[in-house]
Amino acid sequence: MPTGAGDEEKPYLYTDTEDLKMVADYSRLNFNECLELNCYTYKCLVRDAFIYKMRKTEKGIDYLETCWLLQQTQPDRKKLREKFGS
């Protein structure tokens, strides 16, 4: 999982089950129950658990806001008019 802009994971700190642990903690399921979930449900829980974890810190909230902004494909015309006039 990404941890923030510019942060790179060190190869010796890499774990294979980090997502699984995050889902297990978030959903309160054990590892076996998590592994039995269908792919869609598991990926949704990974996403939700990651967002939940990031919302706990100010830096995480800033990261999530940046991610949201980068996903936008339409301009916010109201904000542009406020800033630059019509």
N, C-alpha and C. Protein backbone atom coordinates (compact mmCIF):
# COMPACT_ATOMS: atom_id res chain seq x y z
N MET A 1 0.83 -1.18 0.00
CA MET A 1 0.00 0.00 0.00
C MET A 1 0.88 1.24 0.00
N PRO A 2 0.47 2.27 -0.72
CA PRO A 2 1.22 3.51 -0.69
C PRO A 2 1.11 4.14 0.69
N THR A 3 2.16 4.77 1.15
CA THR A 3 2.14 5.39 2.47
C THR A 3 2.17 6.89 2.42
N GLY A 4 2.47 7.46 1.29
CA GLY A 4 2.50 8.90 1.15
C GLY A 4 3.34 9.30 -0.03
N ALA A 5 3.21 10.53 -0.42
CA ALA A 5 3.95 11.01 -1.59
C ALA A 5 5.44 10.96 -1.34
N GLY A 6 6.16 10.30 -2.22
CA GLY A 6 7.61 10.26 -2.13
C GLY A 6 8.16 9.17 -1.21
N ASP A 7 7.30 8.54 -0.44
CA ASP A 7 7.78 7.47 0.45
C ASP A 7 7.98 6.20 -0.36
N GLU A 8 9.14 5.63 -0.24
CA GLU A 8 9.41 4.37 -0.92
C GLU A 8 9.67 3.31 0.13
N GLU A 9 9.09 2.15 -0.08
CA GLU A 9 9.26 1.06 0.87
C GLU A 9 10.64 0.44 0.73
N LYS A 10 11.28 0.23 1.83
CA LYS A 10 12.59 -0.40 1.83
C LYS A 10 12.40 -1.90 1.60
N PRO A 11 13.22 -2.52 0.74
CA PRO A 11 13.02 -3.94 0.41
C PRO A 11 13.06 -4.86 1.63
N TYR A 12 13.82 -4.51 2.62
CA TYR A 12 13.92 -5.38 3.80
C TYR A 12 12.76 -5.18 4.76
N LEU A 13 11.87 -4.21 4.49
CA LEU A 13 10.69 -3.99 5.33
C LEU A 13 9.42 -4.51 4.68
N TYR A 14 9.54 -5.17 3.55
CA TYR A 14 8.39 -5.65 2.79
C TYR A 14 7.78 -6.88 3.47
N THR A 15 6.44 -6.91 3.53
CA THR A 15 5.73 -8.07 4.07
C THR A 15 4.74 -8.59 3.04
N ASP A 16 4.54 -9.87 3.02
CA ASP A 16 3.61 -10.49 2.06
C ASP A 16 2.17 -10.48 2.56
N THR A 17 1.98 -10.32 3.86
CA THR A 17 0.63 -10.44 4.42
C THR A 17 0.11 -9.14 5.04
N GLU A 18 0.72 -8.03 4.70
CA GLU A 18 0.29 -6.76 5.28
C GLU A 18 -1.18 -6.45 4.97
N ASP A 19 -1.58 -6.64 3.72
CA ASP A 19 -2.98 -6.40 3.36
C ASP A 19 -3.91 -7.36 4.10
N LEU A 20 -3.50 -8.59 4.22
CA LEU A 20 -4.31 -9.59 4.92
C LEU A 20 -4.47 -9.20 6.39
N LYS A 21 -3.40 -8.77 7.02
CA LYS A 21 -3.45 -8.34 8.43
C LYS A 21 -4.35 -7.11 8.58
N MET A 22 -4.24 -6.19 7.65
CA MET A 22 -5.05 -4.98 7.69
C MET A 22 -6.54 -5.33 7.57
N VAL A 23 -6.88 -6.23 6.65
CA VAL A 23 -8.27 -6.66 6.47
C VAL A 23 -8.76 -7.41 7.71
N ALA A 24 -7.93 -8.28 8.25
CA ALA A 24 -8.32 -9.05 9.44
C ALA A 24 -8.60 -8.12 10.62
N ASP A 25 -7.73 -7.13 10.83
CA ASP A 25 -7.94 -6.19 11.93
C ASP A 25 -9.18 -5.34 11.72
N TYR A 26 -9.38 -4.88 10.50
CA TYR A 26 -10.51 -4.01 10.18
C TYR A 26 -11.84 -4.75 10.26
N SER A 27 -11.88 -5.96 9.72
CA SER A 27 -13.14 -6.72 9.65
C SER A 27 -13.36 -7.63 10.85
N ARG A 28 -12.33 -7.81 11.67
CA ARG A 28 -12.36 -8.72 12.82
C ARG A 28 -12.58 -10.17 12.42
N LEU A 29 -12.11 -10.49 11.20
CA LEU A 29 -12.12 -11.87 10.75
C LEU A 29 -10.72 -12.44 10.99
N ASN A 30 -10.62 -13.77 11.12
CA ASN A 30 -9.29 -14.34 11.24
C ASN A 30 -8.70 -14.53 9.83
N PHE A 31 -7.42 -14.86 9.75
CA PHE A 31 -6.75 -14.97 8.45
C PHE A 31 -7.47 -15.96 7.53
N ASN A 32 -7.86 -17.10 8.06
CA ASN A 32 -8.53 -18.10 7.22
C ASN A 32 -9.84 -17.57 6.66
N GLU A 33 -10.62 -16.87 7.49
CA GLU A 33 -11.88 -16.30 7.01
C GLU A 33 -11.63 -15.25 5.93
N CYS A 34 -10.59 -14.47 6.11
CA CYS A 34 -10.23 -13.46 5.10
C CYS A 34 -9.85 -14.13 3.77
N LEU A 35 -9.12 -15.22 3.87
CA LEU A 35 -8.69 -15.93 2.65
C LEU A 35 -9.86 -16.59 1.93
N GLU A 36 -10.95 -16.85 2.63
CA GLU A 36 -12.13 -17.47 2.02
C GLU A 36 -13.06 -16.47 1.36
N LEU A 37 -12.80 -15.17 1.56
CA LEU A 37 -13.65 -14.14 0.94
C LEU A 37 -13.46 -14.16 -0.57
N ASN A 38 -14.51 -13.78 -1.30
CA ASN A 38 -14.33 -13.67 -2.74
C ASN A 38 -13.44 -12.45 -3.03
N CYS A 39 -12.88 -12.42 -4.19
CA CYS A 39 -11.89 -11.41 -4.56
C CYS A 39 -12.46 -9.99 -4.44
N TYR A 40 -13.68 -9.79 -4.89
CA TYR A 40 -14.28 -8.46 -4.85
C TYR A 40 -14.44 -7.97 -3.41
N THR A 41 -14.97 -8.81 -2.55
CA THR A 41 -15.18 -8.44 -1.15
C THR A 41 -13.85 -8.16 -0.47
N TYR A 42 -12.87 -9.01 -0.73
CA TYR A 42 -11.55 -8.82 -0.13
C TYR A 42 -10.95 -7.48 -0.55
N LYS A 43 -10.98 -7.18 -1.85
CA LYS A 43 -10.40 -5.92 -2.34
C LYS A 43 -11.15 -4.71 -1.79
N CYS A 44 -12.47 -4.81 -1.64
CA CYS A 44 -13.23 -3.72 -1.03
C CYS A 44 -12.80 -3.51 0.42
N LEU A 45 -12.58 -4.59 1.13
CA LEU A 45 -12.14 -4.48 2.53
C LEU A 45 -10.72 -3.92 2.62
N VAL A 46 -9.85 -4.29 1.68
CA VAL A 46 -8.49 -3.73 1.66
C VAL A 46 -8.58 -2.22 1.49
N ARG A 47 -9.39 -1.78 0.54
CA ARG A 47 -9.55 -0.35 0.27
C ARG A 47 -10.10 0.37 1.51
N ASP A 48 -11.18 -0.16 2.08
CA ASP A 48 -11.80 0.48 3.24
C ASP A 48 -10.86 0.50 4.44
N ALA A 49 -10.13 -0.59 4.66
CA ALA A 49 -9.20 -0.66 5.79
C ALA A 49 -8.07 0.36 5.61
N PHE A 50 -7.59 0.51 4.38
CA PHE A 50 -6.52 1.47 4.10
C PHE A 50 -7.01 2.90 4.36
N ILE A 51 -8.21 3.22 3.87
CA ILE A 51 -8.76 4.55 4.09
C ILE A 51 -8.98 4.80 5.58
N TYR A 52 -9.50 3.82 6.28
CA TYR A 52 -9.71 3.94 7.72
C TYR A 52 -8.39 4.22 8.45
N LYS A 53 -7.35 3.51 8.06
CA LYS A 53 -6.03 3.68 8.67
C LYS A 53 -5.47 5.08 8.36
N MET A 54 -5.62 5.53 7.14
CA MET A 54 -5.07 6.83 6.74
C MET A 54 -5.82 7.99 7.40
N ARG A 55 -7.11 7.82 7.68
CA ARG A 55 -7.89 8.89 8.28
C ARG A 55 -7.53 9.17 9.73
N LYS A 56 -6.67 8.38 10.31
CA LYS A 56 -6.30 8.55 11.72
C LYS A 56 -5.24 9.61 11.94
N THR A 57 -4.56 10.05 10.88
CA THR A 57 -3.51 11.06 11.04
C THR A 57 -3.77 12.23 10.08
N GLU A 58 -3.25 13.38 10.44
CA GLU A 58 -3.39 14.56 9.58
C GLU A 58 -2.68 14.34 8.24
N LYS A 59 -1.50 13.73 8.29
CA LYS A 59 -0.77 13.44 7.06
C LYS A 59 -1.55 12.47 6.17
N GLY A 60 -2.20 11.49 6.78
CA GLY A 60 -3.01 10.53 6.03
C GLY A 60 -4.21 11.19 5.39
N ILE A 61 -4.85 12.11 6.11
CA ILE A 61 -5.99 12.83 5.56
C ILE A 61 -5.55 13.67 4.37
N ASP A 62 -4.41 14.34 4.49
CA ASP A 62 -3.89 15.12 3.37
C ASP A 62 -3.62 14.22 2.17
N TYR A 63 -3.06 13.04 2.41
CA TYR A 63 -2.79 12.09 1.33
C TYR A 63 -4.08 11.66 0.64
N LEU A 64 -5.11 11.36 1.41
CA LEU A 64 -6.40 10.96 0.83
C LEU A 64 -7.04 12.09 0.03
N GLU A 65 -6.92 13.31 0.53
CA GLU A 65 -7.46 14.46 -0.21
C GLU A 65 -6.72 14.64 -1.53
N THR A 66 -5.40 14.46 -1.52
CA THR A 66 -4.62 14.56 -2.74
C THR A 66 -5.04 13.47 -3.73
N CYS A 67 -5.24 12.26 -3.24
CA CYS A 67 -5.70 11.17 -4.10
C CYS A 67 -7.04 11.50 -4.73
N TRP A 68 -7.95 12.05 -3.94
CA TRP A 68 -9.26 12.41 -4.46
C TRP A 68 -9.14 13.48 -5.53
N LEU A 69 -8.31 14.48 -5.27
CA LEU A 69 -8.13 15.55 -6.26
C LEU A 69 -7.56 15.01 -7.57
N LEU A 70 -6.63 14.09 -7.48
CA LEU A 70 -6.01 13.53 -8.68
C LEU A 70 -6.97 12.68 -9.50
N GLN A 71 -8.03 12.20 -8.88
CA GLN A 71 -9.02 11.39 -9.59
C GLN A 71 -10.05 12.23 -10.34
N GLN A 72 -10.13 13.52 -10.04
CA GLN A 72 -11.15 14.37 -10.64
C GLN A 72 -10.84 14.62 -12.11
N THR A 73 -11.86 14.47 -12.94
CA THR A 73 -11.70 14.66 -14.38
C THR A 73 -12.44 15.89 -14.89
N GLN A 74 -13.31 16.45 -14.07
CA GLN A 74 -14.07 17.64 -14.46
C GLN A 74 -13.63 18.82 -13.60
N PRO A 75 -13.50 20.01 -14.20
CA PRO A 75 -13.11 21.18 -13.40
C PRO A 75 -14.23 21.61 -12.47
N ASP A 76 -13.86 22.18 -11.33
CA ASP A 76 -14.84 22.74 -10.40
C ASP A 76 -15.09 24.18 -10.85
N ARG A 77 -16.08 24.34 -11.71
CA ARG A 77 -16.34 25.64 -12.34
C ARG A 77 -16.71 26.71 -11.32
N LYS A 78 -17.42 26.35 -10.28
CA LYS A 78 -17.80 27.32 -9.26
C LYS A 78 -16.56 27.89 -8.57
N LYS A 79 -15.65 27.02 -8.19
CA LYS A 79 -14.40 27.47 -7.53
C LYS A 79 -13.55 28.31 -8.48
N LEU A 80 -13.51 27.92 -9.75
CA LEU A 80 -12.74 28.69 -10.73
C LEU A 80 -13.32 30.08 -10.92
N ARG A 81 -14.66 30.19 -10.95
CA ARG A 81 -15.30 31.51 -11.08
C ARG A 81 -15.03 32.38 -9.85
N GLU A 82 -15.05 31.74 -8.66
CA GLU A 82 -14.76 32.49 -7.44
C GLU A 82 -13.35 33.05 -7.46
N LYS A 83 -12.42 32.25 -7.95
CA LYS A 83 -11.01 32.65 -7.94
C LYS A 83 -10.65 33.62 -9.06
N PHE A 84 -11.17 33.36 -10.27
CA PHE A 84 -10.76 34.15 -11.44
C PHE A 84 -11.86 35.04 -12.00
N GLY A 85 -13.05 34.95 -11.47
CA GLY A 85 -14.17 35.74 -11.99
C GLY A 85 -14.81 35.04 -13.18
N SER A 86 -15.93 35.56 -13.63
CA SER A 86 -16.65 34.93 -14.73
C SER A 86 -16.27 35.53 -16.02
